[in-house]
Amino acid sequence: MKVTVLSENTSKSGLPTEHGLSLYIETEKHRILFDFGASDLFIRNAENLGIDLGLVDIAFLSHGHYDHGGGLLAFLERNGIANIYMHEAVFEEHYNGSNAYIGLDQTIDGHPRYIKVKEDVRIDDELSFVCLDRLKTSINANGQKVKRGPYMEKENYEHEMYLLIHEGYKEHLISGCTHKGIINLVYAFRFNTFIGGLHTMKYDEIWDEDILLDTAKAVRNSCADFYTCHCTGRDQFLFIQKEAGDKVKEISCGDTIYID
């Protein structure tokens, strides 16, 4: 399996960056786009890397925030064949702790190539798109909210889903932001590789040390290798890596990793 980072917060390759995430994944059977960044930057970076997104045959949106779905329309215009899997709640109105809108552009809802689901779906013998309902620990929403009707409710990230790639006896888990927490993912799924954000960037190394230590413990005690990016945070990554060692690595815009 080959994974190339098309959009991310940081870059060591000289490619431009943004606060967003988009991954291009090649498997034996598929060319996959996972998330669409905050803009069309992932398309421009793909062109610079010699990747033809017109050949992507299937795509996934991890959750309904702008920094993962802002480039949806740009992808639909660039690619005429791929269906895009997403949770049915991704186009709800999502807000951060300051009540700023962080959801998707609702005017692009309803495209015929959107495949909306509300539970786990096995796509073929290589791909599954899965929810996380069994929680070992509670979710820290950091003040984020979802608007349902006239009411603001605490965000429970019902709209967040994850891609499982099955390769022989190995399982690879791809996540956008892991809002529900890596501890819950480790308890819910068995996987050999994790790629995505850990959503620890807002945790302070001193005031939130216990949370970061619990995250590092989950990483260290799992059987997986972790490649993390986007919303993990640089200082938080270094904290986790100090505790978990080489099991966790950092990836940035333009990087390509090969998973056996």
C-alpha atoms as a PDB file:
ATOM      1  CA  MET A   1       0.000   0.000   0.000  1.00  0.00           C
ATOM      2  CA  LYS A   2       1.255   3.461  -0.917  1.00  0.00           C
ATOM      3  CA  VAL A   3       0.043   6.624   0.807  1.00  0.00           C
ATOM      4  CA  THR A   4       0.854  10.168  -0.339  1.00  0.00           C
ATOM      5  CA  VAL A   5      -0.040  13.264   1.688  1.00  0.00           C
ATOM      6  CA  LEU A   6      -1.618  15.847  -0.640  1.00  0.00           C
ATOM      7  CA  SER A   7      -2.807  18.373   1.928  1.00  0.00           C
ATOM      8  CA  GLU A   8      -1.556  18.895   5.461  1.00  0.00           C
ATOM      9  CA  ASN A   9      -0.524  21.626   7.897  1.00  0.00           C
ATOM     10  CA  THR A  10       3.220  21.213   7.398  1.00  0.00           C
ATOM     11  CA  SER A  11       5.612  20.488   4.550  1.00  0.00           C
ATOM     12  CA  LYS A  12       9.196  19.330   4.248  1.00  0.00           C
ATOM     13  CA  SER A  13       8.986  18.957   0.473  1.00  0.00           C
ATOM     14  CA  GLY A  14       8.398  22.597  -0.445  1.00  0.00           C
ATOM     15  CA  LEU A  15       4.758  22.022  -1.389  1.00  0.00           C
ATOM     16  CA  PRO A  16       2.288  24.629  -0.106  1.00  0.00           C
ATOM     17  CA  THR A  17       0.270  23.794   3.004  1.00  0.00           C
ATOM     18  CA  GLU A  18      -3.046  24.565   4.663  1.00  0.00           C
ATOM     19  CA  HIS A  19      -4.948  23.587   7.786  1.00  0.00           C
ATOM     20  CA  GLY A  20      -6.503  20.516   6.245  1.00  0.00           C
ATOM     21  CA  LEU A  21      -5.956  16.913   5.287  1.00  0.00           C
ATOM     22  CA  SER A  22      -6.082  14.894   2.075  1.00  0.00           C
ATOM     23  CA  LEU A  23      -4.481  11.510   1.439  1.00  0.00           C
ATOM     24  CA  TYR A  24      -4.031   9.652  -1.854  1.00  0.00           C
ATOM     25  CA  ILE A  25      -3.846   5.887  -1.345  1.00  0.00           C
ATOM     26  CA  GLU A  26      -2.926   3.164  -3.828  1.00  0.00           C
ATOM     27  CA  THR A  27      -3.789  -0.422  -2.994  1.00  0.00           C
ATOM     28  CA  GLU A  28      -3.754  -3.551  -5.108  1.00  0.00           C
ATOM     29  CA  LYS A  29      -7.309  -2.898  -6.315  1.00  0.00           C
ATOM     30  CA  HIS A  30      -8.027   0.783  -5.764  1.00  0.00           C
ATOM     31  CA  ARG A  31      -6.887   4.361  -6.192  1.00  0.00           C
ATOM     32  CA  ILE A  32      -8.407   6.132  -3.206  1.00  0.00           C
ATOM     33  CA  LEU A  33      -8.806   9.724  -2.101  1.00  0.00           C
ATOM     34  CA  PHE A  34      -9.367  10.098   1.637  1.00  0.00           C
ATOM     35  CA  ASP A  35     -10.535  13.598   2.577  1.00  0.00           C
ATOM     36  CA  PHE A  36     -10.360  16.735   0.437  1.00  0.00           C
ATOM     37  CA  GLY A  37      -8.516  19.367   2.461  1.00  0.00           C
ATOM     38  CA  ALA A  38      -9.871  22.867   3.022  1.00  0.00           C
ATOM     39  CA  SER A  39      -9.606  23.981  -0.621  1.00  0.00           C
ATOM     40  CA  ASP A  40      -8.433  22.756  -4.032  1.00  0.00           C
ATOM     41  CA  LEU A  41      -4.826  22.724  -2.784  1.00  0.00           C
ATOM     42  CA  PHE A  42      -4.750  18.908  -2.805  1.00  0.00           C
ATOM     43  CA  ILE A  43      -5.431  18.939  -6.558  1.00  0.00           C
ATOM     44  CA  ARG A  44      -2.596  21.354  -7.266  1.00  0.00           C
ATOM     45  CA  ASN A  45      -0.215  19.391  -5.059  1.00  0.00           C
ATOM     46  CA  ALA A  46      -1.240  16.145  -6.748  1.00  0.00           C
ATOM     47  CA  GLU A  47      -0.399  17.664 -10.124  1.00  0.00           C
ATOM     48  CA  ASN A  48       3.024  18.720  -8.826  1.00  0.00           C
ATOM     49  CA  LEU A  49       3.596  15.163  -7.620  1.00  0.00           C
ATOM     50  CA  GLY A  50       2.504  13.599 -10.921  1.00  0.00           C
ATOM     51  CA  ILE A  51      -0.672  12.075  -9.475  1.00  0.00           C
ATOM     52  CA  ASP A  52      -3.750  12.027 -11.714  1.00  0.00           C
ATOM     53  CA  LEU A  53      -6.785  12.376  -9.446  1.00  0.00           C
ATOM     54  CA  GLY A  54      -9.006  11.739 -12.450  1.00  0.00           C
ATOM     55  CA  LEU A  55      -8.089   8.064 -12.035  1.00  0.00           C
ATOM     56  CA  VAL A  56      -9.304   7.830  -8.426  1.00  0.00           C
ATOM     57  CA  ASP A  57     -12.011   5.160  -8.402  1.00  0.00           C
ATOM     58  CA  ILE A  58     -13.375   5.632  -4.866  1.00  0.00           C
ATOM     59  CA  ALA A  59     -13.251   8.409  -2.264  1.00  0.00           C
ATOM     60  CA  PHE A  60     -14.086   8.896   1.410  1.00  0.00           C
ATOM     61  CA  LEU A  61     -14.960  11.881   3.580  1.00  0.00           C
ATOM     62  CA  SER A  62     -14.033  11.214   7.201  1.00  0.00           C
ATOM     63  CA  HIS A  63     -16.312  13.829   8.794  1.00  0.00           C
ATOM     64  CA  GLY A  64     -18.207  17.039   8.171  1.00  0.00           C
ATOM     65  CA  HIS A  65     -15.625  19.755   8.907  1.00  0.00           C
ATOM     66  CA  TYR A  66     -14.421  22.292   6.337  1.00  0.00           C
ATOM     67  CA  ASP A  67     -10.739  21.337   6.625  1.00  0.00           C
ATOM     68  CA  HIS A  68     -11.541  17.835   5.388  1.00  0.00           C
ATOM     69  CA  GLY A  69     -14.371  18.539   2.954  1.00  0.00           C
ATOM     70  CA  GLY A  70     -13.629  22.017   1.647  1.00  0.00           C
ATOM     71  CA  GLY A  71     -12.337  20.600  -1.635  1.00  0.00           C
ATOM     72  CA  LEU A  72     -15.313  18.304  -2.320  1.00  0.00           C
ATOM     73  CA  LEU A  73     -16.681  20.303  -5.245  1.00  0.00           C
ATOM     74  CA  ALA A  74     -13.220  20.742  -6.751  1.00  0.00           C
ATOM     75  CA  PHE A  75     -12.739  16.977  -6.692  1.00  0.00           C
ATOM     76  CA  LEU A  76     -16.128  16.313  -8.279  1.00  0.00           C
ATOM     77  CA  GLU A  77     -15.178  18.677 -11.096  1.00  0.00           C
ATOM     78  CA  ARG A  78     -11.758  17.030 -11.517  1.00  0.00           C
ATOM     79  CA  ASN A  79     -12.938  13.424 -11.289  1.00  0.00           C
ATOM     80  CA  GLY A  80     -15.986  12.067 -13.090  1.00  0.00           C
ATOM     81  CA  ILE A  81     -16.077   8.467 -11.879  1.00  0.00           C
ATOM     82  CA  ALA A  82     -15.521   8.074  -8.141  1.00  0.00           C
ATOM     83  CA  ASN A  83     -18.338   7.770  -5.648  1.00  0.00           C
ATOM     84  CA  ILE A  84     -17.700   9.517  -2.331  1.00  0.00           C
ATOM     85  CA  TYR A  85     -18.646   7.662   0.840  1.00  0.00           C
ATOM     86  CA  MET A  86     -19.641   9.731   3.887  1.00  0.00           C
ATOM     87  CA  HIS A  87     -21.833   9.566   6.976  1.00  0.00           C
ATOM     88  CA  GLU A  88     -25.364  10.807   6.445  1.00  0.00           C
ATOM     89  CA  ALA A  89     -24.844  13.523   9.092  1.00  0.00           C
ATOM     90  CA  VAL A  90     -21.807  15.237   7.513  1.00  0.00           C
ATOM     91  CA  PHE A  91     -23.836  18.190   6.225  1.00  0.00           C
ATOM     92  CA  GLU A  92     -25.268  19.076   9.630  1.00  0.00           C
ATOM     93  CA  GLU A  93     -24.202  22.456  11.025  1.00  0.00           C
ATOM     94  CA  HIS A  94     -21.010  22.111  13.054  1.00  0.00           C
ATOM     95  CA  TYR A  95     -19.484  24.862  15.230  1.00  0.00           C
ATOM     96  CA  ASN A  96     -16.316  25.235  17.278  1.00  0.00           C
ATOM     97  CA  GLY A  97     -16.022  26.385  20.886  1.00  0.00           C
ATOM     98  CA  SER A  98     -16.167  30.032  19.803  1.00  0.00           C
ATOM     99  CA  ASN A  99     -19.400  29.407  17.863  1.00  0.00           C
ATOM    100  CA  ALA A 100     -17.663  29.840  14.510  1.00  0.00           C
ATOM    101  CA  TYR A 101     -19.073  27.673  11.730  1.00  0.00           C
ATOM    102  CA  ILE A 102     -16.674  24.836  10.850  1.00  0.00           C
ATOM    103  CA  GLY A 103     -19.027  22.668   8.815  1.00  0.00           C
ATOM    104  CA  LEU A 104     -19.336  22.040   5.091  1.00  0.00           C
ATOM    105  CA  ASP A 105     -20.887  24.206   2.410  1.00  0.00           C
ATOM    106  CA  GLN A 106     -24.479  22.984   2.523  1.00  0.00           C
ATOM    107  CA  THR A 107     -25.167  24.212  -1.008  1.00  0.00           C
ATOM    108  CA  ILE A 108     -23.138  21.302  -2.423  1.00  0.00           C
ATOM    109  CA  ASP A 109     -25.166  18.645  -0.604  1.00  0.00           C
ATOM    110  CA  GLY A 110     -27.172  16.161  -2.665  1.00  0.00           C
ATOM    111  CA  HIS A 111     -24.672  15.265  -5.395  1.00  0.00           C
ATOM    112  CA  PRO A 112     -25.592  11.924  -7.066  1.00  0.00           C
ATOM    113  CA  ARG A 113     -22.118  10.514  -6.403  1.00  0.00           C
ATOM    114  CA  TYR A 114     -22.417  10.942  -2.643  1.00  0.00           C
ATOM    115  CA  ILE A 115     -22.957   7.587  -0.933  1.00  0.00           C
ATOM    116  CA  LYS A 116     -24.361   8.405   2.498  1.00  0.00           C
ATOM    117  CA  VAL A 117     -24.290   5.727   5.177  1.00  0.00           C
ATOM    118  CA  LYS A 118     -25.169   5.565   8.872  1.00  0.00           C
ATOM    119  CA  GLU A 119     -23.430   2.344   9.864  1.00  0.00           C
ATOM    120  CA  ASP A 120     -20.481   0.157   8.937  1.00  0.00           C
ATOM    121  CA  VAL A 121     -20.317  -0.809   5.272  1.00  0.00           C
ATOM    122  CA  ARG A 122     -18.125  -3.496   3.710  1.00  0.00           C
ATOM    123  CA  ILE A 123     -17.379  -2.234   0.206  1.00  0.00           C
ATOM    124  CA  ASP A 124     -15.368  -5.220  -1.032  1.00  0.00           C
ATOM    125  CA  ASP A 125     -12.762  -7.661   0.264  1.00  0.00           C
ATOM    126  CA  GLU A 126     -10.254  -4.797   0.539  1.00  0.00           C
ATOM    127  CA  LEU A 127     -12.219  -1.834   1.943  1.00  0.00           C
ATOM    128  CA  SER A 128     -14.584  -1.143   4.845  1.00  0.00           C
ATOM    129  CA  PHE A 129     -15.934   2.230   5.962  1.00  0.00           C
ATOM    130  CA  VAL A 130     -16.699   2.052   9.662  1.00  0.00           C
ATOM    131  CA  CYS A 131     -18.242   3.959  12.568  1.00  0.00           C
ATOM    132  CA  LEU A 132     -17.152   3.936  16.198  1.00  0.00           C
ATOM    133  CA  ASP A 133     -20.030   3.433  18.612  1.00  0.00           C
ATOM    134  CA  ARG A 134     -18.367   1.453  21.423  1.00  0.00           C
ATOM    135  CA  LEU A 135     -16.564   3.982  23.603  1.00  0.00           C
ATOM    136  CA  LYS A 136     -14.088   3.037  26.317  1.00  0.00           C
ATOM    137  CA  THR A 137     -13.622   6.648  27.418  1.00  0.00           C
ATOM    138  CA  SER A 138     -15.789   9.746  27.127  1.00  0.00           C
ATOM    139  CA  ILE A 139     -15.337  12.227  24.279  1.00  0.00           C
ATOM    140  CA  ASN A 140     -13.831  15.652  24.947  1.00  0.00           C
ATOM    141  CA  ALA A 141     -15.562  17.916  22.428  1.00  0.00           C
ATOM    142  CA  ASN A 142     -13.534  21.013  23.449  1.00  0.00           C
ATOM    143  CA  GLY A 143     -16.681  23.120  23.219  1.00  0.00           C
ATOM    144  CA  GLN A 144     -17.625  22.018  19.709  1.00  0.00           C
ATOM    145  CA  LYS A 145     -21.316  21.840  18.942  1.00  0.00           C
ATOM    146  CA  VAL A 146     -23.788  20.656  16.334  1.00  0.00           C
ATOM    147  CA  LYS A 147     -26.980  22.556  15.502  1.00  0.00           C
ATOM    148  CA  ARG A 148     -30.109  20.451  15.227  1.00  0.00           C
ATOM    149  CA  GLY A 149     -33.211  22.458  14.508  1.00  0.00           C
ATOM    150  CA  PRO A 150     -33.146  25.581  16.688  1.00  0.00           C
ATOM    151  CA  TYR A 151     -30.901  23.964  19.308  1.00  0.00           C
ATOM    152  CA  MET A 152     -27.155  23.747  19.795  1.00  0.00           C
ATOM    153  CA  GLU A 153     -26.083  20.360  21.160  1.00  0.00           C
ATOM    154  CA  LYS A 154     -22.729  19.149  22.407  1.00  0.00           C
ATOM    155  CA  GLU A 155     -20.856  17.552  19.518  1.00  0.00           C
ATOM    156  CA  ASN A 156     -20.771  13.756  19.685  1.00  0.00           C
ATOM    157  CA  TYR A 157     -19.066  13.299  16.287  1.00  0.00           C
ATOM    158  CA  GLU A 158     -21.746  10.966  15.005  1.00  0.00           C
ATOM    159  CA  HIS A 159     -20.612  12.049  11.527  1.00  0.00           C
ATOM    160  CA  GLU A 160     -17.033  10.767  11.945  1.00  0.00           C
ATOM    161  CA  MET A 161     -16.074   7.541  10.151  1.00  0.00           C
ATOM    162  CA  TYR A 162     -12.875   5.643   9.418  1.00  0.00           C
ATOM    163  CA  LEU A 163     -11.497   3.667   6.503  1.00  0.00           C
ATOM    164  CA  LEU A 164     -10.242   0.131   7.123  1.00  0.00           C
ATOM    165  CA  ILE A 165      -8.025  -1.337   4.412  1.00  0.00           C
ATOM    166  CA  HIS A 166      -7.683  -5.117   4.523  1.00  0.00           C
ATOM    167  CA  GLU A 167      -4.466  -6.545   3.073  1.00  0.00           C
ATOM    168  CA  GLY A 168      -4.058 -10.246   3.726  1.00  0.00           C
ATOM    169  CA  TYR A 169      -3.860 -10.679   7.475  1.00  0.00           C
ATOM    170  CA  LYS A 170      -3.156  -7.000   8.043  1.00  0.00           C
ATOM    171  CA  GLU A 171      -5.554  -4.136   8.741  1.00  0.00           C
ATOM    172  CA  HIS A 172      -4.739  -0.474   8.115  1.00  0.00           C
ATOM    173  CA  LEU A 173      -6.897   2.209   9.744  1.00  0.00           C
ATOM    174  CA  ILE A 174      -7.165   5.657   8.123  1.00  0.00           C
ATOM    175  CA  SER A 175      -8.645   8.495  10.190  1.00  0.00           C
ATOM    176  CA  GLY A 176      -9.235  12.180   9.593  1.00  0.00           C
ATOM    177  CA  CYS A 177      -9.107  13.762  13.056  1.00  0.00           C
ATOM    178  CA  THR A 178      -9.921  10.960  15.536  1.00  0.00           C
ATOM    179  CA  HIS A 179     -12.228  13.256  17.491  1.00  0.00           C
ATOM    180  CA  LYS A 180     -13.493  10.250  19.428  1.00  0.00           C
ATOM    181  CA  GLY A 181      -9.997   9.591  20.730  1.00  0.00           C
ATOM    182  CA  ILE A 182      -7.269   7.135  19.847  1.00  0.00           C
ATOM    183  CA  ILE A 183      -7.936   5.231  23.075  1.00  0.00           C
ATOM    184  CA  ASN A 184     -11.428   4.398  21.836  1.00  0.00           C
ATOM    185  CA  LEU A 185     -10.092   3.399  18.410  1.00  0.00           C
ATOM    186  CA  VAL A 186      -7.469   1.097  19.904  1.00  0.00           C
ATOM    187  CA  TYR A 187     -10.107  -0.621  22.032  1.00  0.00           C
ATOM    188  CA  ALA A 188     -12.655  -0.882  19.204  1.00  0.00           C
ATOM    189  CA  PHE A 189     -10.510  -2.101  16.301  1.00  0.00           C
ATOM    190  CA  ARG A 190      -7.550  -4.316  15.633  1.00  0.00           C
ATOM    191  CA  PHE A 191      -5.184  -2.691  13.174  1.00  0.00           C
ATOM    192  CA  ASN A 192      -1.526  -2.935  12.194  1.00  0.00           C
ATOM    193  CA  THR A 193      -1.169   0.610  10.882  1.00  0.00           C
ATOM    194  CA  PHE A 194      -2.799   3.913  11.791  1.00  0.00           C
ATOM    195  CA  ILE A 195      -2.605   6.970   9.536  1.00  0.00           C
ATOM    196  CA  GLY A 196      -4.227  10.293  10.422  1.00  0.00           C
ATOM    197  CA  GLY A 197      -4.611  13.012  13.018  1.00  0.00           C
ATOM    198  CA  LEU A 198      -4.854  12.399  16.767  1.00  0.00           C
ATOM    199  CA  HIS A 199      -6.629  15.681  17.576  1.00  0.00           C
ATOM    200  CA  THR A 200      -4.293  16.523  20.440  1.00  0.00           C
ATOM    201  CA  MET A 201      -3.132  19.924  19.172  1.00  0.00           C
ATOM    202  CA  LYS A 202      -5.151  21.877  21.756  1.00  0.00           C
ATOM    203  CA  TYR A 203      -3.814  19.953  24.745  1.00  0.00           C
ATOM    204  CA  ASP A 204      -1.188  21.719  26.834  1.00  0.00           C
ATOM    205  CA  GLU A 205       1.823  19.626  27.839  1.00  0.00           C
ATOM    206  CA  ILE A 206       1.549  20.809  31.438  1.00  0.00           C
ATOM    207  CA  TRP A 207      -2.146  21.389  32.091  1.00  0.00           C
ATOM    208  CA  ASP A 208      -3.281  18.412  29.996  1.00  0.00           C
ATOM    209  CA  GLU A 209      -0.371  16.102  30.738  1.00  0.00           C
ATOM    210  CA  ASP A 210      -2.631  13.261  31.903  1.00  0.00           C
ATOM    211  CA  ILE A 211      -4.581  13.282  28.634  1.00  0.00           C
ATOM    212  CA  LEU A 212      -1.400  13.244  26.548  1.00  0.00           C
ATOM    213  CA  LEU A 213       0.088  10.486  28.713  1.00  0.00           C
ATOM    214  CA  ASP A 214      -3.048   8.369  28.249  1.00  0.00           C
ATOM    215  CA  THR A 215      -2.849   8.943  24.495  1.00  0.00           C
ATOM    216  CA  ALA A 216       0.829   7.975  24.430  1.00  0.00           C
ATOM    217  CA  LYS A 217       0.099   4.873  26.508  1.00  0.00           C
ATOM    218  CA  ALA A 218      -2.587   3.761  24.051  1.00  0.00           C
ATOM    219  CA  VAL A 219      -0.135   4.204  21.174  1.00  0.00           C
ATOM    220  CA  ARG A 220       2.711   2.465  22.978  1.00  0.00           C
ATOM    221  CA  ASN A 221       0.635  -0.522  24.101  1.00  0.00           C
ATOM    222  CA  SER A 222      -1.081  -1.102  20.767  1.00  0.00           C
ATOM    223  CA  CYS A 223       0.224  -3.506  18.136  1.00  0.00           C
ATOM    224  CA  ALA A 224       0.216  -0.843  15.436  1.00  0.00           C
ATOM    225  CA  ASP A 225       2.601   1.606  13.837  1.00  0.00           C
ATOM    226  CA  PHE A 226       1.290   5.188  13.830  1.00  0.00           C
ATOM    227  CA  TYR A 227       1.798   7.829  11.138  1.00  0.00           C
ATOM    228  CA  THR A 228       0.277  11.042  12.377  1.00  0.00           C
ATOM    229  CA  CYS A 229      -0.269  14.557  11.062  1.00  0.00           C
ATOM    230  CA  HIS A 230      -2.677  17.522  10.774  1.00  0.00           C
ATOM    231  CA  CYS A 231      -4.455  18.047  14.116  1.00  0.00           C
ATOM    232  CA  THR A 232      -1.945  16.202  16.286  1.00  0.00           C
ATOM    233  CA  GLY A 233       0.236  19.277  16.858  1.00  0.00           C
ATOM    234  CA  ARG A 234       4.010  19.444  16.715  1.00  0.00           C
ATOM    235  CA  ASP A 235       4.707  19.792  20.441  1.00  0.00           C
ATOM    236  CA  GLN A 236       2.077  17.187  21.244  1.00  0.00           C
ATOM    237  CA  PHE A 237       3.606  14.786  18.714  1.00  0.00           C
ATOM    238  CA  LEU A 238       7.022  15.178  20.341  1.00  0.00           C
ATOM    239  CA  PHE A 239       5.465  14.527  23.755  1.00  0.00           C
ATOM    240  CA  ILE A 240       3.751  11.361  22.518  1.00  0.00           C
ATOM    241  CA  GLN A 241       6.835  10.187  20.652  1.00  0.00           C
ATOM    242  CA  LYS A 242       8.961  10.624  23.769  1.00  0.00           C
ATOM    243  CA  GLU A 243       6.628   8.248  25.597  1.00  0.00           C
ATOM    244  CA  ALA A 244       5.803   5.854  22.751  1.00  0.00           C
ATOM    245  CA  GLY A 245       9.108   5.825  20.858  1.00  0.00           C
ATOM    246  CA  ASP A 246       9.462   4.916  17.197  1.00  0.00           C
ATOM    247  CA  LYS A 247       5.953   3.437  17.063  1.00  0.00           C
ATOM    248  CA  VAL A 248       4.763   6.932  16.137  1.00  0.00           C
ATOM    249  CA  LYS A 249       6.091   8.907  13.179  1.00  0.00           C
ATOM    250  CA  GLU A 250       5.215  12.273  11.687  1.00  0.00           C
ATOM    251  CA  ILE A 251       4.138  12.781   8.075  1.00  0.00           C
ATOM    252  CA  SER A 252       3.662  16.033   6.180  1.00  0.00           C
ATOM    253  CA  CYS A 253       2.545  17.423   2.824  1.00  0.00           C
ATOM    254  CA  GLY A 254       4.288  15.705  -0.085  1.00  0.00           C
ATOM    255  CA  ASP A 255       5.448  12.692   1.922  1.00  0.00           C
ATOM    256  CA  THR A 256       4.901   9.184   0.548  1.00  0.00           C
ATOM    257  CA  ILE A 257       4.961   6.129   2.781  1.00  0.00           C
ATOM    258  CA  TYR A 258       4.900   2.475   1.812  1.00  0.00           C
ATOM    259  CA  ILE A 259       3.106  -0.004   4.059  1.00  0.00           C
ATOM    260  CA  ASP A 260       3.932  -3.707   3.671  1.00  0.00           C
END
